[in-house]
Amino acid sequence: MINVPTPDILPYDIAKTFLVDYKAKFNAMPASIWSLMNVDGLRVILHVMEQTKSEDTKVIAEEMHKLKDFPGITGPVTFREDGERTGGGYMTYEVQADKSYKIVYQ
């Protein structure tokens, strides 16, 4: 099965820390990966603003295109020339006999 990962199986250290903190604060896990992708987008924008000391959207966009492997909660963040994020948010799972999922490709 090919699908986006659920937040609880993200393999990145930053994701694990974020999810522990999130659960401690809200007593629940994020409902889906999409909210975490939004968090990553905002973290990238804030990072670039801090690095450039600018709020100019053109400066921010230019610097975002130069960003390589920013440590995102949903994985390393890099952008293509057209502004789309590289790499897939998709994983390949193998459904086990006990109905759990084994990640076979990410």
PDB file of N, CA and C in Angstrom:
ATOM      1  N   MET A   1       0.848  -1.159   0.000  1.00  0.00           N
ATOM      2  CA  MET A   1       0.000   0.000   0.000  1.00  0.00           C
ATOM      3  C   MET A   1       0.904   1.236   0.000  1.00  0.00           C
ATOM      4  N   ILE A   2       0.556   2.219  -0.793  1.00  0.00           N
ATOM      5  CA  ILE A   2       1.288   3.487  -0.823  1.00  0.00           C
ATOM      6  C   ILE A   2       0.378   4.555  -0.244  1.00  0.00           C
ATOM      7  N   ASN A   3       0.900   5.284   0.747  1.00  0.00           N
ATOM      8  CA  ASN A   3       0.104   6.316   1.406  1.00  0.00           C
ATOM      9  C   ASN A   3       1.037   7.288   2.114  1.00  0.00           C
ATOM     10  N   VAL A   4       0.475   8.396   2.571  1.00  0.00           N
ATOM     11  CA  VAL A   4       1.252   9.315   3.400  1.00  0.00           C
ATOM     12  C   VAL A   4       1.423   8.668   4.767  1.00  0.00           C
ATOM     13  N   PRO A   5       2.502   9.017   5.477  1.00  0.00           N
ATOM     14  CA  PRO A   5       2.688   8.430   6.798  1.00  0.00           C
ATOM     15  C   PRO A   5       1.720   9.031   7.810  1.00  0.00           C
ATOM     16  N   THR A   6       1.379   8.265   8.802  1.00  0.00           N
ATOM     17  CA  THR A   6       0.647   8.819   9.926  1.00  0.00           C
ATOM     18  C   THR A   6       1.684   9.443  10.862  1.00  0.00           C
ATOM     19  N   PRO A   7       1.320  10.472  11.600  1.00  0.00           N
ATOM     20  CA  PRO A   7       2.313  11.153  12.443  1.00  0.00           C
ATOM     21  C   PRO A   7       3.078  10.219  13.375  1.00  0.00           C
ATOM     22  N   ASP A   8       2.416   9.215  13.912  1.00  0.00           N
ATOM     23  CA  ASP A   8       3.055   8.346  14.905  1.00  0.00           C
ATOM     24  C   ASP A   8       4.177   7.486  14.344  1.00  0.00           C
ATOM     25  N   ILE A   9       4.291   7.346  13.044  1.00  0.00           N
ATOM     26  CA  ILE A   9       5.362   6.497  12.495  1.00  0.00           C
ATOM     27  C   ILE A   9       6.471   7.299  11.814  1.00  0.00           C
ATOM     28  N   LEU A  10       6.438   8.626  11.933  1.00  0.00           N
ATOM     29  CA  LEU A  10       7.516   9.417  11.341  1.00  0.00           C
ATOM     30  C   LEU A  10       8.838   9.017  11.998  1.00  0.00           C
ATOM     31  N   PRO A  11       9.866   8.693  11.211  1.00  0.00           N
ATOM     32  CA  PRO A  11      11.101   8.151  11.770  1.00  0.00           C
ATOM     33  C   PRO A  11      12.130   9.192  12.223  1.00  0.00           C
ATOM     34  N   TYR A  12      11.835  10.459  12.078  1.00  0.00           N
ATOM     35  CA  TYR A  12      12.820  11.509  12.334  1.00  0.00           C
ATOM     36  C   TYR A  12      12.836  11.898  13.813  1.00  0.00           C
ATOM     37  N   ASP A  13      14.031  12.112  14.357  1.00  0.00           N
ATOM     38  CA  ASP A  13      14.161  12.487  15.765  1.00  0.00           C
ATOM     39  C   ASP A  13      13.345  13.733  16.094  1.00  0.00           C
ATOM     40  N   ILE A  14      13.394  14.728  15.213  1.00  0.00           N
ATOM     41  CA  ILE A  14      12.644  15.959  15.458  1.00  0.00           C
ATOM     42  C   ILE A  14      11.142  15.675  15.516  1.00  0.00           C
ATOM     43  N   ALA A  15      10.668  14.731  14.725  1.00  0.00           N
ATOM     44  CA  ALA A  15       9.248  14.365  14.750  1.00  0.00           C
ATOM     45  C   ALA A  15       8.896  13.692  16.070  1.00  0.00           C
ATOM     46  N   LYS A  16       9.746  12.793  16.510  1.00  0.00           N
ATOM     47  CA  LYS A  16       9.480  12.082  17.764  1.00  0.00           C
ATOM     48  C   LYS A  16       9.412  13.052  18.932  1.00  0.00           C
ATOM     49  N   THR A  17      10.346  14.000  18.987  1.00  0.00           N
ATOM     50  CA  THR A  17      10.344  15.007  20.055  1.00  0.00           C
ATOM     51  C   THR A  17       9.100  15.881  19.966  1.00  0.00           C
ATOM     52  N   PHE A  18       8.783  16.352  18.755  1.00  0.00           N
ATOM     53  CA  PHE A  18       7.602  17.191  18.560  1.00  0.00           C
ATOM     54  C   PHE A  18       6.341  16.464  19.012  1.00  0.00           C
ATOM     55  N   LEU A  19       6.199  15.201  18.639  1.00  0.00           N
ATOM     56  CA  LEU A  19       4.985  14.450  18.961  1.00  0.00           C
ATOM     57  C   LEU A  19       4.852  14.184  20.457  1.00  0.00           C
ATOM     58  N   VAL A  20       5.951  13.934  21.140  1.00  0.00           N
ATOM     59  CA  VAL A  20       5.905  13.775  22.600  1.00  0.00           C
ATOM     60  C   VAL A  20       5.428  15.077  23.242  1.00  0.00           C
ATOM     61  N   ASP A  21       6.013  16.197  22.802  1.00  0.00           N
ATOM     62  CA  ASP A  21       5.617  17.499  23.342  1.00  0.00           C
ATOM     63  C   ASP A  21       4.160  17.824  23.008  1.00  0.00           C
ATOM     64  N   TYR A  22       3.743  17.521  21.793  1.00  0.00           N
ATOM     65  CA  TYR A  22       2.372  17.784  21.356  1.00  0.00           C
ATOM     66  C   TYR A  22       1.377  17.000  22.211  1.00  0.00           C
ATOM     67  N   LYS A  23       1.675  15.716  22.392  1.00  0.00           N
ATOM     68  CA  LYS A  23       0.766  14.868  23.168  1.00  0.00           C
ATOM     69  C   LYS A  23       0.704  15.323  24.619  1.00  0.00           C
ATOM     70  N   ALA A  24       1.840  15.744  25.166  1.00  0.00           N
ATOM     71  CA  ALA A  24       1.864  16.233  26.548  1.00  0.00           C
ATOM     72  C   ALA A  24       1.015  17.493  26.696  1.00  0.00           C
ATOM     73  N   LYS A  25       1.046  18.341  25.702  1.00  0.00           N
ATOM     74  CA  LYS A  25       0.308  19.603  25.785  1.00  0.00           C
ATOM     75  C   LYS A  25      -1.180  19.435  25.481  1.00  0.00           C
ATOM     76  N   PHE A  26      -1.516  18.645  24.460  1.00  0.00           N
ATOM     77  CA  PHE A  26      -2.904  18.555  23.999  1.00  0.00           C
ATOM     78  C   PHE A  26      -3.595  17.232  24.351  1.00  0.00           C
ATOM     79  N   ASN A  27      -2.867  16.313  24.967  1.00  0.00           N
ATOM     80  CA  ASN A  27      -3.394  15.005  25.358  1.00  0.00           C
ATOM     81  C   ASN A  27      -4.002  14.247  24.171  1.00  0.00           C
ATOM     82  N   ALA A  28      -3.402  14.426  23.022  1.00  0.00           N
ATOM     83  CA  ALA A  28      -3.833  13.747  21.798  1.00  0.00           C
ATOM     84  C   ALA A  28      -2.713  13.858  20.781  1.00  0.00           C
ATOM     85  N   MET A  29      -2.781  13.017  19.767  1.00  0.00           N
ATOM     86  CA  MET A  29      -1.828  13.103  18.660  1.00  0.00           C
ATOM     87  C   MET A  29      -2.437  13.960  17.555  1.00  0.00           C
ATOM     88  N   PRO A  30      -1.601  14.589  16.708  1.00  0.00           N
ATOM     89  CA  PRO A  30      -2.151  15.313  15.555  1.00  0.00           C
ATOM     90  C   PRO A  30      -3.012  14.362  14.725  1.00  0.00           C
ATOM     91  N   ALA A  31      -4.078  14.898  14.186  1.00  0.00           N
ATOM     92  CA  ALA A  31      -5.033  14.062  13.452  1.00  0.00           C
ATOM     93  C   ALA A  31      -4.473  13.488  12.159  1.00  0.00           C
ATOM     94  N   SER A  32      -3.552  14.224  11.519  1.00  0.00           N
ATOM     95  CA  SER A  32      -3.011  13.743  10.248  1.00  0.00           C
ATOM     96  C   SER A  32      -1.652  14.365   9.972  1.00  0.00           C
ATOM     97  N   ILE A  33      -1.032  13.887   8.922  1.00  0.00           N
ATOM     98  CA  ILE A  33       0.272  14.399   8.496  1.00  0.00           C
ATOM     99  C   ILE A  33       0.161  15.814   7.950  1.00  0.00           C
ATOM    100  N   TRP A  34      -1.014  16.189   7.450  1.00  0.00           N
ATOM    101  CA  TRP A  34      -1.159  17.475   6.770  1.00  0.00           C
ATOM    102  C   TRP A  34      -0.913  18.651   7.701  1.00  0.00           C
ATOM    103  N   SER A  35      -1.346  18.564   8.930  1.00  0.00           N
ATOM    104  CA  SER A  35      -1.073  19.667   9.864  1.00  0.00           C
ATOM    105  C   SER A  35       0.423  19.775  10.137  1.00  0.00           C
ATOM    106  N   LEU A  36       1.118  18.651  10.168  1.00  0.00           N
ATOM    107  CA  LEU A  36       2.563  18.683  10.406  1.00  0.00           C
ATOM    108  C   LEU A  36       3.305  19.241   9.195  1.00  0.00           C
ATOM    109  N   MET A  37       2.794  18.998   8.008  1.00  0.00           N
ATOM    110  CA  MET A  37       3.403  19.597   6.822  1.00  0.00           C
ATOM    111  C   MET A  37       3.235  21.118   6.864  1.00  0.00           C
ATOM    112  N   ASN A  38       2.092  21.575   7.353  1.00  0.00           N
ATOM    113  CA  ASN A  38       1.893  23.016   7.520  1.00  0.00           C
ATOM    114  C   ASN A  38       2.860  23.589   8.555  1.00  0.00           C
ATOM    115  N   VAL A  39       3.075  22.851   9.632  1.00  0.00           N
ATOM    116  CA  VAL A  39       4.036  23.280  10.652  1.00  0.00           C
ATOM    117  C   VAL A  39       5.427  23.399  10.024  1.00  0.00           C
ATOM    118  N   ASP A  40       5.806  22.421   9.218  1.00  0.00           N
ATOM    119  CA  ASP A  40       7.112  22.473   8.546  1.00  0.00           C
ATOM    120  C   ASP A  40       7.219  23.699   7.645  1.00  0.00           C
ATOM    121  N   GLY A  41       6.155  24.000   6.915  1.00  0.00           N
ATOM    122  CA  GLY A  41       6.172  25.171   6.042  1.00  0.00           C
ATOM    123  C   GLY A  41       6.392  26.449   6.830  1.00  0.00           C
ATOM    124  N   LEU A  42       5.692  26.591   7.934  1.00  0.00           N
ATOM    125  CA  LEU A  42       5.854  27.784   8.766  1.00  0.00           C
ATOM    126  C   LEU A  42       7.247  27.834   9.389  1.00  0.00           C
ATOM    127  N   ARG A  43       7.760  26.688   9.823  1.00  0.00           N
ATOM    128  CA  ARG A  43       9.109  26.646  10.401  1.00  0.00           C
ATOM    129  C   ARG A  43      10.155  27.075   9.374  1.00  0.00           C
ATOM    130  N   VAL A  44       9.981  26.660   8.118  1.00  0.00           N
ATOM    131  CA  VAL A  44      10.907  27.053   7.052  1.00  0.00           C
ATOM    132  C   VAL A  44      10.852  28.564   6.852  1.00  0.00           C
ATOM    133  N   ILE A  45       9.645  29.113   6.759  1.00  0.00           N
ATOM    134  CA  ILE A  45       9.505  30.566   6.560  1.00  0.00           C
ATOM    135  C   ILE A  45      10.150  31.329   7.707  1.00  0.00           C
ATOM    136  N   LEU A  46       9.885  30.923   8.938  1.00  0.00           N
ATOM    137  CA  LEU A  46      10.477  31.606  10.094  1.00  0.00           C
ATOM    138  C   LEU A  46      12.006  31.487  10.096  1.00  0.00           C
ATOM    139  N   HIS A  47      12.501  30.309   9.742  1.00  0.00           N
ATOM    140  CA  HIS A  47      13.953  30.099   9.670  1.00  0.00           C
ATOM    141  C   HIS A  47      14.592  31.045   8.656  1.00  0.00           C
ATOM    142  N   VAL A  48      13.990  31.120   7.473  1.00  0.00           N
ATOM    143  CA  VAL A  48      14.533  31.984   6.418  1.00  0.00           C
ATOM    144  C   VAL A  48      14.442  33.451   6.830  1.00  0.00           C
ATOM    145  N   MET A  49      13.356  33.843   7.460  1.00  0.00           N
ATOM    146  CA  MET A  49      13.228  35.227   7.936  1.00  0.00           C
ATOM    147  C   MET A  49      14.320  35.559   8.951  1.00  0.00           C
ATOM    148  N   GLU A  50      14.595  34.616   9.856  1.00  0.00           N
ATOM    149  CA  GLU A  50      15.659  34.828  10.847  1.00  0.00           C
ATOM    150  C   GLU A  50      17.026  34.920  10.173  1.00  0.00           C
ATOM    151  N   GLN A  51      17.268  34.049   9.192  1.00  0.00           N
ATOM    152  CA  GLN A  51      18.564  34.031   8.515  1.00  0.00           C
ATOM    153  C   GLN A  51      18.797  35.291   7.691  1.00  0.00           C
ATOM    154  N   THR A  52      17.747  35.757   7.018  1.00  0.00           N
ATOM    155  CA  THR A  52      17.893  36.916   6.132  1.00  0.00           C
ATOM    156  C   THR A  52      17.605  38.230   6.846  1.00  0.00           C
ATOM    157  N   LYS A  53      16.999  38.128   8.042  1.00  0.00           N
ATOM    158  CA  LYS A  53      16.566  39.332   8.780  1.00  0.00           C
ATOM    159  C   LYS A  53      15.647  40.183   7.901  1.00  0.00           C
ATOM    160  N   SER A  54      14.785  39.509   7.151  1.00  0.00           N
ATOM    161  CA  SER A  54      13.912  40.188   6.208  1.00  0.00           C
ATOM    162  C   SER A  54      12.486  39.653   6.302  1.00  0.00           C
ATOM    163  N   GLU A  55      11.542  40.527   6.029  1.00  0.00           N
ATOM    164  CA  GLU A  55      10.142  40.143   5.912  1.00  0.00           C
ATOM    165  C   GLU A  55       9.659  40.301   4.467  1.00  0.00           C
ATOM    166  N   ASP A  56      10.580  40.624   3.583  1.00  0.00           N
ATOM    167  CA  ASP A  56      10.275  40.812   2.171  1.00  0.00           C
ATOM    168  C   ASP A  56       9.996  39.441   1.548  1.00  0.00           C
ATOM    169  N   THR A  57       8.789  39.262   1.019  1.00  0.00           N
ATOM    170  CA  THR A  57       8.407  37.950   0.497  1.00  0.00           C
ATOM    171  C   THR A  57       9.272  37.489  -0.668  1.00  0.00           C
ATOM    172  N   LYS A  58       9.771  38.416  -1.466  1.00  0.00           N
ATOM    173  CA  LYS A  58      10.656  38.016  -2.581  1.00  0.00           C
ATOM    174  C   LYS A  58      11.979  37.487  -2.047  1.00  0.00           C
ATOM    175  N   VAL A  59      12.530  38.144  -1.039  1.00  0.00           N
ATOM    176  CA  VAL A  59      13.784  37.693  -0.416  1.00  0.00           C
ATOM    177  C   VAL A  59      13.567  36.322   0.215  1.00  0.00           C
ATOM    178  N   ILE A  60      12.462  36.170   0.927  1.00  0.00           N
ATOM    179  CA  ILE A  60      12.159  34.902   1.591  1.00  0.00           C
ATOM    180  C   ILE A  60      12.022  33.782   0.562  1.00  0.00           C
ATOM    181  N   ALA A  61      11.271  34.027  -0.509  1.00  0.00           N
ATOM    182  CA  ALA A  61      11.081  33.004  -1.547  1.00  0.00           C
ATOM    183  C   ALA A  61      12.408  32.615  -2.191  1.00  0.00           C
ATOM    184  N   GLU A  62      13.248  33.604  -2.491  1.00  0.00           N
ATOM    185  CA  GLU A  62      14.556  33.302  -3.095  1.00  0.00           C
ATOM    186  C   GLU A  62      15.393  32.433  -2.174  1.00  0.00           C
ATOM    187  N   GLU A  63      15.403  32.766  -0.894  1.00  0.00           N
ATOM    188  CA  GLU A  63      16.200  31.992   0.064  1.00  0.00           C
ATOM    189  C   GLU A  63      15.625  30.601   0.292  1.00  0.00           C
ATOM    190  N   MET A  64      14.310  30.493   0.236  1.00  0.00           N
ATOM    191  CA  MET A  64      13.699  29.174   0.403  1.00  0.00           C
ATOM    192  C   MET A  64      14.136  28.231  -0.713  1.00  0.00           C
ATOM    193  N   HIS A  65      14.328  28.763  -1.911  1.00  0.00           N
ATOM    194  CA  HIS A  65      14.776  27.927  -3.028  1.00  0.00           C
ATOM    195  C   HIS A  65      16.218  27.462  -2.847  1.00  0.00           C
ATOM    196  N   LYS A  66      16.981  28.163  -2.023  1.00  0.00           N
ATOM    197  CA  LYS A  66      18.372  27.778  -1.760  1.00  0.00           C
ATOM    198  C   LYS A  66      18.486  26.784  -0.609  1.00  0.00           C
ATOM    199  N   LEU A  67      17.428  26.654   0.162  1.00  0.00           N
ATOM    200  CA  LEU A  67      17.431  25.799   1.345  1.00  0.00           C
ATOM    201  C   LEU A  67      17.569  24.332   0.934  1.00  0.00           C
ATOM    202  N   LYS A  68      18.438  23.619   1.595  1.00  0.00           N
ATOM    203  CA  LYS A  68      18.646  22.200   1.298  1.00  0.00           C
ATOM    204  C   LYS A  68      18.553  21.385   2.574  1.00  0.00           C
ATOM    205  N   ASP A  69      17.683  20.414   2.575  1.00  0.00           N
ATOM    206  CA  ASP A  69      17.551  19.457   3.672  1.00  0.00           C
ATOM    207  C   ASP A  69      17.312  20.103   5.040  1.00  0.00           C
ATOM    208  N   PHE A  70      16.448  21.124   5.082  1.00  0.00           N
ATOM    209  CA  PHE A  70      16.053  21.708   6.363  1.00  0.00           C
ATOM    210  C   PHE A  70      15.407  20.599   7.195  1.00  0.00           C
ATOM    211  N   PRO A  71      15.769  20.467   8.474  1.00  0.00           N
ATOM    212  CA  PRO A  71      15.247  19.357   9.284  1.00  0.00           C
ATOM    213  C   PRO A  71      13.771  19.532   9.640  1.00  0.00           C
ATOM    214  N   GLY A  72      12.909  19.023   8.789  1.00  0.00           N
ATOM    215  CA  GLY A  72      11.476  19.127   9.015  1.00  0.00           C
ATOM    216  C   GLY A  72      10.946  17.981   9.840  1.00  0.00           C
ATOM    217  N   ILE A  73       9.822  18.216  10.468  1.00  0.00           N
ATOM    218  CA  ILE A  73       9.153  17.176  11.237  1.00  0.00           C
ATOM    219  C   ILE A  73       8.748  16.032  10.318  1.00  0.00           C
ATOM    220  N   THR A  74       8.354  16.371   9.099  1.00  0.00           N
ATOM    221  CA  THR A  74       7.920  15.357   8.129  1.00  0.00           C
ATOM    222  C   THR A  74       9.045  14.908   7.211  1.00  0.00           C
ATOM    223  N   GLY A  75      10.272  15.273   7.554  1.00  0.00           N
ATOM    224  CA  GLY A  75      11.431  14.877   6.755  1.00  0.00           C
ATOM    225  C   GLY A  75      12.177  16.079   6.241  1.00  0.00           C
ATOM    226  N   PRO A  76      13.342  15.850   5.645  1.00  0.00           N
ATOM    227  CA  PRO A  76      14.156  16.955   5.130  1.00  0.00           C
ATOM    228  C   PRO A  76      13.381  17.785   4.103  1.00  0.00           C
ATOM    229  N   VAL A  77      13.496  19.110   4.219  1.00  0.00           N
ATOM    230  CA  VAL A  77      12.764  20.019   3.334  1.00  0.00           C
ATOM    231  C   VAL A  77      13.722  20.706   2.373  1.00  0.00           C
ATOM    232  N   THR A  78      13.471  20.528   1.088  1.00  0.00           N
ATOM    233  CA  THR A  78      14.170  21.196  -0.002  1.00  0.00           C
ATOM    234  C   THR A  78      13.099  21.535  -1.032  1.00  0.00           C
ATOM    235  N   PHE A  79      13.280  22.654  -1.742  1.00  0.00           N
ATOM    236  CA  PHE A  79      12.282  23.057  -2.731  1.00  0.00           C
ATOM    237  C   PHE A  79      12.866  23.031  -4.134  1.00  0.00           C
ATOM    238  N   ARG A  80      12.025  22.647  -5.094  1.00  0.00           N
ATOM    239  CA  ARG A  80      12.403  22.709  -6.507  1.00  0.00           C
ATOM    240  C   ARG A  80      12.299  24.156  -6.976  1.00  0.00           C
ATOM    241  N   GLU A  81      12.766  24.393  -8.173  1.00  0.00           N
ATOM    242  CA  GLU A  81      12.708  25.722  -8.793  1.00  0.00           C
ATOM    243  C   GLU A  81      11.284  26.269  -8.846  1.00  0.00           C
ATOM    244  N   ASP A  82      10.307  25.376  -9.074  1.00  0.00           N
ATOM    245  CA  ASP A  82       8.911  25.828  -9.181  1.00  0.00           C
ATOM    246  C   ASP A  82       8.227  26.004  -7.829  1.00  0.00           C
ATOM    247  N   GLY A  83       8.965  25.783  -6.745  1.00  0.00           N
ATOM    248  CA  GLY A  83       8.424  25.996  -5.411  1.00  0.00           C
ATOM    249  C   GLY A  83       7.857  24.765  -4.739  1.00  0.00           C
ATOM    250  N   GLU A  84       7.751  23.671  -5.472  1.00  0.00           N
ATOM    251  CA  GLU A  84       7.244  22.437  -4.875  1.00  0.00           C
ATOM    252  C   GLU A  84       8.331  21.796  -4.017  1.00  0.00           C
ATOM    253  N   ARG A  85       7.924  21.142  -2.977  1.00  0.00           N
ATOM    254  CA  ARG A  85       8.862  20.443  -2.102  1.00  0.00           C
ATOM    255  C   ARG A  85       9.352  19.174  -2.791  1.00  0.00           C
ATOM    256  N   THR A  86      10.645  18.903  -2.702  1.00  0.00           N
ATOM    257  CA  THR A  86      11.184  17.676  -3.295  1.00  0.00           C
ATOM    258  C   THR A  86      10.951  16.506  -2.353  1.00  0.00           C
ATOM    259  N   GLY A  87      11.107  15.341  -2.898  1.00  0.00           N
ATOM    260  CA  GLY A  87      10.900  14.142  -2.102  1.00  0.00           C
ATOM    261  C   GLY A  87       9.412  13.917  -1.905  1.00  0.00           C
ATOM    262  N   GLY A  88       9.070  12.716  -1.689  1.00  0.00           N
ATOM    263  CA  GLY A  88       7.659  12.436  -1.501  1.00  0.00           C
ATOM    264  C   GLY A  88       7.312  12.369  -0.043  1.00  0.00           C
ATOM    265  N   GLY A  89       6.105  12.689   0.246  1.00  0.00           N
ATOM    266  CA  GLY A  89       5.612  12.481   1.583  1.00  0.00           C
ATOM    267  C   GLY A  89       5.037  11.089   1.704  1.00  0.00           C
ATOM    268  N   TYR A  90       5.187  10.314   0.640  1.00  0.00           N
ATOM    269  CA  TYR A  90       4.568   9.001   0.610  1.00  0.00           C
ATOM    270  C   TYR A  90       5.528   7.912   1.061  1.00  0.00           C
ATOM    271  N   MET A  91       4.969   6.884   1.653  1.00  0.00           N
ATOM    272  CA  MET A  91       5.721   5.703   2.061  1.00  0.00           C
ATOM    273  C   MET A  91       5.018   4.482   1.482  1.00  0.00           C
ATOM    274  N   THR A  92       5.768   3.415   1.335  1.00  0.00           N
ATOM    275  CA  THR A  92       5.179   2.144   0.929  1.00  0.00           C
ATOM    276  C   THR A  92       5.137   1.248   2.155  1.00  0.00           C
ATOM    277  N   TYR A  93       3.960   0.735   2.425  1.00  0.00           N
ATOM    278  CA  TYR A  93       3.743  -0.122   3.586  1.00  0.00           C
ATOM    279  C   TYR A  93       3.402  -1.527   3.138  1.00  0.00           C
ATOM    280  N   GLU A  94       3.768  -2.471   3.972  1.00  0.00           N
ATOM    281  CA  GLU A  94       3.327  -3.841   3.795  1.00  0.00           C
ATOM    282  C   GLU A  94       2.391  -4.137   4.966  1.00  0.00           C
ATOM    283  N   VAL A  95       1.169  -4.488   4.661  1.00  0.00           N
ATOM    284  CA  VAL A  95       0.192  -4.784   5.710  1.00  0.00           C
ATOM    285  C   VAL A  95       0.508  -6.174   6.265  1.00  0.00           C
ATOM    286  N   GLN A  96       0.677  -6.244   7.573  1.00  0.00           N
ATOM    287  CA  GLN A  96       1.036  -7.487   8.245  1.00  0.00           C
ATOM    288  C   GLN A  96      -0.221  -8.291   8.597  1.00  0.00           C
ATOM    289  N   ALA A  97      -0.033  -9.546   8.940  1.00  0.00           N
ATOM    290  CA  ALA A  97      -1.155 -10.425   9.299  1.00  0.00           C
ATOM    291  C   ALA A  97      -1.942  -9.878  10.491  1.00  0.00           C
ATOM    292  N   ASP A  98      -1.251  -9.178  11.400  1.00  0.00           N
ATOM    293  CA  ASP A  98      -1.940  -8.618  12.579  1.00  0.00           C
ATOM    294  C   ASP A  98      -2.551  -7.244  12.288  1.00  0.00           C
ATOM    295  N   LYS A  99      -2.567  -6.861  11.012  1.00  0.00           N
ATOM    296  CA  LYS A  99      -3.130  -5.607  10.513  1.00  0.00           C
ATOM    297  C   LYS A  99      -2.277  -4.367  10.827  1.00  0.00           C
ATOM    298  N   SER A 100      -1.063  -4.591  11.321  1.00  0.00           N
ATOM    299  CA  SER A 100      -0.134  -3.479  11.522  1.00  0.00           C
ATOM    300  C   SER A 100       0.572  -3.219  10.190  1.00  0.00           C
ATOM    301  N   TYR A 101       1.300  -2.120  10.136  1.00  0.00           N
ATOM    302  CA  TYR A 101       1.998  -1.748   8.907  1.00  0.00           C
ATOM    303  C   TYR A 101       3.497  -1.810   9.102  1.00  0.00           C
ATOM    304  N   LYS A 102       4.174  -2.352   8.121  1.00  0.00           N
ATOM    305  CA  LYS A 102       5.631  -2.359   8.100  1.00  0.00           C
ATOM    306  C   LYS A 102       6.045  -1.435   6.967  1.00  0.00           C
ATOM    307  N   ILE A 103       6.892  -0.443   7.277  1.00  0.00           N
ATOM    308  CA  ILE A 103       7.365   0.477   6.237  1.00  0.00           C
ATOM    309  C   ILE A 103       8.435  -0.235   5.422  1.00  0.00           C
ATOM    310  N   VAL A 104       8.213  -0.342   4.121  1.00  0.00           N
ATOM    311  CA  VAL A 104       9.197  -0.992   3.267  1.00  0.00           C
ATOM    312  C   VAL A 104       9.920  -0.002   2.361  1.00  0.00           C
ATOM    313  N   TYR A 105       9.390   1.225   2.258  1.00  0.00           N
ATOM    314  CA  TYR A 105      10.068   2.265   1.492  1.00  0.00           C
ATOM    315  C   TYR A 105       9.572   3.624   1.967  1.00  0.00           C
ATOM    316  N   GLN A 106      10.550   4.532   2.158  1.00  0.00           N
ATOM    317  CA  GLN A 106      10.168   5.901   2.515  1.00  0.00           C
ATOM    318  C   GLN A 106      11.030   6.880   1.781  1.00  0.00           C
TER     319      GLN A 106
END
